């Protein structure tokens, strides 16, 4: 009786190993795709889809589009262009995501050139939601200050013409990661 019980238990243990040793799961495939050199690997959207194209409203581009690339799940560098009324804005920015999660706060800084001749820097902070399907939503506050004046006033979304920027505003955007 003991021998047959031991034989059955051994057979079940071997059989259970065969059942669980199957195809690689989707989670493991995502971990392999991230190709990170850090000890802690994640499979969040910023790892899997590092490129981001974003349509945004608010400072620093007013109504604009930007592109950024995530170096890893925490740091992104990018460039953007937008429209003031009248005028245009072009800039470079850096974004930091302290958590590599789907919903993450962010902080950033950038330099913007606004035609007709303003050079400005901006600091921003907010919340970023990067969904698994590639959609991204964010909302944040931006402080922008220009170091130059212009003779021709530029208009903001709020209809206030200015020769120099020293403002705190909001920005919101919708984008897609690929």
C-alpha atoms as a PDB file:
ATOM      1  CA  UNK A   1       0.000   0.000   0.000  1.00  0.00           C
ATOM      2  CA  UNK A   2       2.815   2.385   0.891  1.00  0.00           C
ATOM      3  CA  UNK A   3       4.671   1.576  -2.323  1.00  0.00           C
ATOM      4  CA  UNK A   4       1.629   2.231  -4.493  1.00  0.00           C
ATOM      5  CA  UNK A   5       0.897   5.495  -2.647  1.00  0.00           C
ATOM      6  CA  UNK A   6       4.500   6.661  -3.149  1.00  0.00           C
ATOM      7  CA  UNK A   7       4.328   5.645  -6.821  1.00  0.00           C
ATOM      8  CA  UNK A   8       1.080   7.570  -7.348  1.00  0.00           C
ATOM      9  CA  UNK A   9       2.459  10.649  -5.561  1.00  0.00           C
ATOM     10  CA  UNK A  10       5.639  10.584  -7.653  1.00  0.00           C
ATOM     11  CA  UNK A  11       3.608  10.201 -10.828  1.00  0.00           C
ATOM     12  CA  UNK A  12       1.412  13.202  -9.863  1.00  0.00           C
ATOM     13  CA  UNK A  13       4.438  15.385  -9.098  1.00  0.00           C
ATOM     14  CA  UNK A  14       6.050  14.601 -12.457  1.00  0.00           C
ATOM     15  CA  UNK A  15       2.743  15.106 -14.275  1.00  0.00           C
ATOM     16  CA  UNK A  16       2.096  18.444 -12.537  1.00  0.00           C
ATOM     17  CA  UNK A  17       5.508  19.735 -13.677  1.00  0.00           C
ATOM     18  CA  UNK A  18       4.641  18.873 -17.262  1.00  0.00           C
ATOM     19  CA  UNK A  19       1.309  20.694 -17.016  1.00  0.00           C
ATOM     20  CA  UNK A  20       2.854  23.950 -15.750  1.00  0.00           C
ATOM     21  CA  UNK A  21       5.893  23.932 -18.078  1.00  0.00           C
ATOM     22  CA  UNK A  22       4.083  25.380 -21.065  1.00  0.00           C
ATOM     23  CA  UNK A  23       4.207  28.373 -23.383  1.00  0.00           C
ATOM     24  CA  UNK A  24       5.805  31.676 -22.280  1.00  0.00           C
ATOM     25  CA  UNK A  25       3.136  33.921 -20.838  1.00  0.00           C
ATOM     26  CA  UNK A  26       2.354  37.386 -22.157  1.00  0.00           C
ATOM     27  CA  UNK A  27       3.816  38.975 -19.016  1.00  0.00           C
ATOM     28  CA  UNK A  28       7.152  37.216 -19.512  1.00  0.00           C
ATOM     29  CA  UNK A  29       7.170  38.222 -23.202  1.00  0.00           C
ATOM     30  CA  UNK A  30       6.685  41.861 -22.138  1.00  0.00           C
ATOM     31  CA  UNK A  31       9.555  41.578 -19.692  1.00  0.00           C
ATOM     32  CA  UNK A  32      11.800  40.221 -22.438  1.00  0.00           C
ATOM     33  CA  UNK A  33      10.768  43.063 -24.790  1.00  0.00           C
ATOM     34  CA  UNK A  34      11.793  45.785 -22.314  1.00  0.00           C
ATOM     35  CA  UNK A  35      15.495  44.857 -22.686  1.00  0.00           C
ATOM     36  CA  UNK A  36      16.545  46.861 -19.633  1.00  0.00           C
ATOM     37  CA  UNK A  37      19.863  46.661 -17.872  1.00  0.00           C
ATOM     38  CA  UNK A  38      18.441  47.451 -14.428  1.00  0.00           C
ATOM     39  CA  UNK A  39      17.881  44.809 -11.789  1.00  0.00           C
ATOM     40  CA  UNK A  40      14.175  45.537 -11.539  1.00  0.00           C
ATOM     41  CA  UNK A  41      12.403  44.939 -14.826  1.00  0.00           C
ATOM     42  CA  UNK A  42       8.974  46.336 -15.510  1.00  0.00           C
ATOM     43  CA  UNK A  43       6.475  45.881 -18.277  1.00  0.00           C
ATOM     44  CA  UNK A  44       4.699  49.222 -18.062  1.00  0.00           C
ATOM     45  CA  UNK A  45       3.715  51.166 -21.194  1.00  0.00           C
ATOM     46  CA  UNK A  46       6.691  53.557 -21.030  1.00  0.00           C
ATOM     47  CA  UNK A  47       9.050  50.561 -21.325  1.00  0.00           C
ATOM     48  CA  UNK A  48       7.187  48.803 -24.099  1.00  0.00           C
ATOM     49  CA  UNK A  49       6.290  51.906 -26.120  1.00  0.00           C
ATOM     50  CA  UNK A  50       8.982  54.546 -25.616  1.00  0.00           C
ATOM     51  CA  UNK A  51       7.831  56.947 -28.393  1.00  0.00           C
ATOM     52  CA  UNK A  52       5.067  59.437 -27.556  1.00  0.00           C
ATOM     53  CA  UNK A  53       3.213  61.869 -29.815  1.00  0.00           C
ATOM     54  CA  UNK A  54       1.077  64.282 -27.803  1.00  0.00           C
ATOM     55  CA  UNK A  55      -1.494  66.943 -28.705  1.00  0.00           C
ATOM     56  CA  UNK A  56      -1.661  69.504 -25.928  1.00  0.00           C
ATOM     57  CA  UNK A  57      -3.350  72.721 -24.893  1.00  0.00           C
ATOM     58  CA  UNK A  58      -1.682  75.145 -22.487  1.00  0.00           C
ATOM     59  CA  UNK A  59       1.810  76.343 -21.723  1.00  0.00           C
ATOM     60  CA  UNK A  60       4.470  76.146 -23.120  1.00  0.00           C
ATOM     61  CA  UNK A  61       3.097  75.541 -26.656  1.00  0.00           C
ATOM     62  CA  UNK A  62      -0.485  76.844 -26.148  1.00  0.00           C
ATOM     63  CA  UNK A  63      -2.037  74.668 -28.874  1.00  0.00           C
ATOM     64  CA  UNK A  64       0.613  72.273 -30.076  1.00  0.00           C
ATOM     65  CA  UNK A  65       2.090  68.895 -30.747  1.00  0.00           C
ATOM     66  CA  UNK A  66       5.129  67.303 -29.152  1.00  0.00           C
ATOM     67  CA  UNK A  67       7.221  64.180 -29.535  1.00  0.00           C
ATOM     68  CA  UNK A  68       9.185  62.549 -26.722  1.00  0.00           C
ATOM     69  CA  UNK A  69      11.243  59.427 -26.301  1.00  0.00           C
ATOM     70  CA  UNK A  70      11.510  57.533 -23.016  1.00  0.00           C
ATOM     71  CA  UNK A  71      15.146  56.655 -22.359  1.00  0.00           C
ATOM     72  CA  UNK A  72      13.794  54.275 -19.692  1.00  0.00           C
ATOM     73  CA  UNK A  73      10.562  54.160 -17.692  1.00  0.00           C
ATOM     74  CA  UNK A  74      11.591  57.226 -15.667  1.00  0.00           C
ATOM     75  CA  UNK A  75      13.212  59.735 -18.061  1.00  0.00           C
ATOM     76  CA  UNK A  76      12.034  61.197 -21.362  1.00  0.00           C
ATOM     77  CA  UNK A  77      13.467  63.828 -23.720  1.00  0.00           C
ATOM     78  CA  UNK A  78      11.440  65.579 -26.378  1.00  0.00           C
ATOM     79  CA  UNK A  79      10.692  68.459 -28.691  1.00  0.00           C
ATOM     80  CA  UNK A  80       7.529  70.306 -29.564  1.00  0.00           C
ATOM     81  CA  UNK A  81       5.918  73.053 -31.582  1.00  0.00           C
ATOM     82  CA  UNK A  82       2.796  75.091 -31.066  1.00  0.00           C
ATOM     83  CA  UNK A  83       0.874  78.209 -31.862  1.00  0.00           C
ATOM     84  CA  UNK A  84       0.460  81.452 -29.992  1.00  0.00           C
ATOM     85  CA  UNK A  85      -1.961  84.039 -31.348  1.00  0.00           C
ATOM     86  CA  UNK A  86      -0.127  85.364 -33.428  1.00  0.00           C
ATOM     87  CA  UNK A  87       3.178  83.586 -33.335  1.00  0.00           C
ATOM     88  CA  UNK A  88       4.626  80.126 -33.017  1.00  0.00           C
ATOM     89  CA  UNK A  89       6.596  78.262 -30.365  1.00  0.00           C
ATOM     90  CA  UNK A  90       9.352  75.666 -30.627  1.00  0.00           C
ATOM     91  CA  UNK A  91      10.978  73.933 -27.701  1.00  0.00           C
ATOM     92  CA  UNK A  92      12.997  71.152 -26.117  1.00  0.00           C
ATOM     93  CA  UNK A  93      11.971  69.459 -22.880  1.00  0.00           C
ATOM     94  CA  UNK A  94      12.920  66.852 -20.314  1.00  0.00           C
ATOM     95  CA  UNK A  95      10.396  64.837 -18.260  1.00  0.00           C
ATOM     96  CA  UNK A  96      10.894  62.753 -15.129  1.00  0.00           C
ATOM     97  CA  UNK A  97       8.419  60.049 -14.059  1.00  0.00           C
ATOM     98  CA  UNK A  98       9.321  59.040 -10.460  1.00  0.00           C
ATOM     99  CA  UNK A  99       7.272  55.832 -10.665  1.00  0.00           C
ATOM    100  CA  UNK A 100       7.378  53.429 -13.593  1.00  0.00           C
ATOM    101  CA  UNK A 101       3.678  52.724 -13.183  1.00  0.00           C
ATOM    102  CA  UNK A 102       0.725  53.199 -15.515  1.00  0.00           C
ATOM    103  CA  UNK A 103      -0.506  56.209 -13.503  1.00  0.00           C
ATOM    104  CA  UNK A 104       2.471  58.329 -12.528  1.00  0.00           C
ATOM    105  CA  UNK A 105       3.111  61.878 -11.413  1.00  0.00           C
ATOM    106  CA  UNK A 106       5.629  63.724 -13.565  1.00  0.00           C
ATOM    107  CA  UNK A 107       7.898  66.718 -13.404  1.00  0.00           C
ATOM    108  CA  UNK A 108       9.675  68.441 -16.223  1.00  0.00           C
ATOM    109  CA  UNK A 109      11.632  71.369 -17.512  1.00  0.00           C
ATOM    110  CA  UNK A 110      12.140  72.898 -20.926  1.00  0.00           C
ATOM    111  CA  UNK A 111      13.342  75.763 -23.063  1.00  0.00           C
ATOM    112  CA  UNK A 112      10.967  77.395 -25.549  1.00  0.00           C
ATOM    113  CA  UNK A 113      11.510  79.930 -28.339  1.00  0.00           C
ATOM    114  CA  UNK A 114       8.371  81.902 -29.141  1.00  0.00           C
ATOM    115  CA  UNK A 115       8.194  83.881 -32.358  1.00  0.00           C
ATOM    116  CA  UNK A 116       8.384  86.985 -32.421  1.00  0.00           C
ATOM    117  CA  UNK A 117      11.472  86.690 -30.221  1.00  0.00           C
ATOM    118  CA  UNK A 118      10.775  85.440 -26.690  1.00  0.00           C
ATOM    119  CA  UNK A 119      13.093  82.906 -25.078  1.00  0.00           C
ATOM    120  CA  UNK A 120      11.441  81.194 -22.119  1.00  0.00           C
ATOM    121  CA  UNK A 121      12.025  78.348 -19.689  1.00  0.00           C
ATOM    122  CA  UNK A 122       9.277  76.321 -18.121  1.00  0.00           C
ATOM    123  CA  UNK A 123       8.833  73.971 -15.174  1.00  0.00           C
ATOM    124  CA  UNK A 124       5.873  71.643 -15.067  1.00  0.00           C
ATOM    125  CA  UNK A 125       4.333  69.006 -12.810  1.00  0.00           C
ATOM    126  CA  UNK A 126       1.245  66.860 -13.087  1.00  0.00           C
ATOM    127  CA  UNK A 127      -0.199  63.393 -13.504  1.00  0.00           C
ATOM    128  CA  UNK A 128       0.331  61.116 -16.511  1.00  0.00           C
ATOM    129  CA  UNK A 129      -1.825  58.104 -17.357  1.00  0.00           C
ATOM    130  CA  UNK A 130      -0.241  55.740 -19.902  1.00  0.00           C
ATOM    131  CA  UNK A 131      -2.645  52.937 -20.766  1.00  0.00           C
ATOM    132  CA  UNK A 132      -1.618  49.491 -22.042  1.00  0.00           C
ATOM    133  CA  UNK A 133      -3.149  50.136 -25.488  1.00  0.00           C
ATOM    134  CA  UNK A 134      -0.884  53.149 -26.097  1.00  0.00           C
ATOM    135  CA  UNK A 135      -3.285  55.969 -25.213  1.00  0.00           C
ATOM    136  CA  UNK A 136      -1.914  58.651 -22.892  1.00  0.00           C
ATOM    137  CA  UNK A 137      -3.713  61.370 -20.939  1.00  0.00           C
ATOM    138  CA  UNK A 138      -2.037  63.996 -18.809  1.00  0.00           C
ATOM    139  CA  UNK A 139      -2.913  67.095 -16.872  1.00  0.00           C
ATOM    140  CA  UNK A 140      -0.505  69.426 -15.148  1.00  0.00           C
ATOM    141  CA  UNK A 141       0.516  72.869 -14.076  1.00  0.00           C
ATOM    142  CA  UNK A 142       3.227  74.866 -15.840  1.00  0.00           C
ATOM    143  CA  UNK A 143       5.245  77.871 -14.718  1.00  0.00           C
ATOM    144  CA  UNK A 144       6.789  79.742 -17.661  1.00  0.00           C
ATOM    145  CA  UNK A 145       9.098  82.737 -17.542  1.00  0.00           C
ATOM    146  CA  UNK A 146      10.675  84.553 -20.501  1.00  0.00           C
ATOM    147  CA  UNK A 147      14.100  86.164 -20.383  1.00  0.00           C
ATOM    148  CA  UNK A 148      13.505  88.532 -23.274  1.00  0.00           C
ATOM    149  CA  UNK A 149      10.873  91.103 -24.233  1.00  0.00           C
ATOM    150  CA  UNK A 150       9.242  91.600 -27.582  1.00  0.00           C
ATOM    151  CA  UNK A 151       7.808  94.733 -29.188  1.00  0.00           C
ATOM    152  CA  UNK A 152       4.932  92.786 -30.745  1.00  0.00           C
ATOM    153  CA  UNK A 153       2.601  91.330 -28.123  1.00  0.00           C
ATOM    154  CA  UNK A 154       1.693  87.669 -28.356  1.00  0.00           C
ATOM    155  CA  UNK A 155      -1.724  86.354 -27.419  1.00  0.00           C
ATOM    156  CA  UNK A 156      -2.437  83.380 -25.191  1.00  0.00           C
ATOM    157  CA  UNK A 157      -5.446  81.064 -25.224  1.00  0.00           C
ATOM    158  CA  UNK A 158      -7.032  83.291 -22.606  1.00  0.00           C
ATOM    159  CA  UNK A 159      -6.876  86.325 -24.933  1.00  0.00           C
ATOM    160  CA  UNK A 160      -4.389  88.336 -22.880  1.00  0.00           C
ATOM    161  CA  UNK A 161      -1.667  89.879 -25.102  1.00  0.00           C
ATOM    162  CA  UNK A 162       1.766  89.984 -23.454  1.00  0.00           C
ATOM    163  CA  UNK A 163       5.240  91.273 -24.265  1.00  0.00           C
ATOM    164  CA  UNK A 164       6.872  89.103 -21.591  1.00  0.00           C
ATOM    165  CA  UNK A 165       5.762  85.857 -19.951  1.00  0.00           C
ATOM    166  CA  UNK A 166       5.860  85.223 -16.208  1.00  0.00           C
ATOM    167  CA  UNK A 167       2.822  83.018 -15.746  1.00  0.00           C
ATOM    168  CA  UNK A 168       1.481  79.975 -13.985  1.00  0.00           C
ATOM    169  CA  UNK A 169      -0.931  77.990 -16.129  1.00  0.00           C
ATOM    170  CA  UNK A 170      -2.362  74.585 -16.825  1.00  0.00           C
ATOM    171  CA  UNK A 171      -1.782  72.139 -19.622  1.00  0.00           C
ATOM    172  CA  UNK A 172      -3.599  69.046 -20.739  1.00  0.00           C
ATOM    173  CA  UNK A 173      -2.959  66.570 -23.458  1.00  0.00           C
ATOM    174  CA  UNK A 174      -3.927  63.379 -25.191  1.00  0.00           C
ATOM    175  CA  UNK A 175      -1.408  61.256 -26.982  1.00  0.00           C
ATOM    176  CA  UNK A 176      -0.400  57.888 -28.300  1.00  0.00           C
ATOM    177  CA  UNK A 177       2.614  55.717 -27.449  1.00  0.00           C
ATOM    178  CA  UNK A 178       4.211  53.476 -30.023  1.00  0.00           C
END
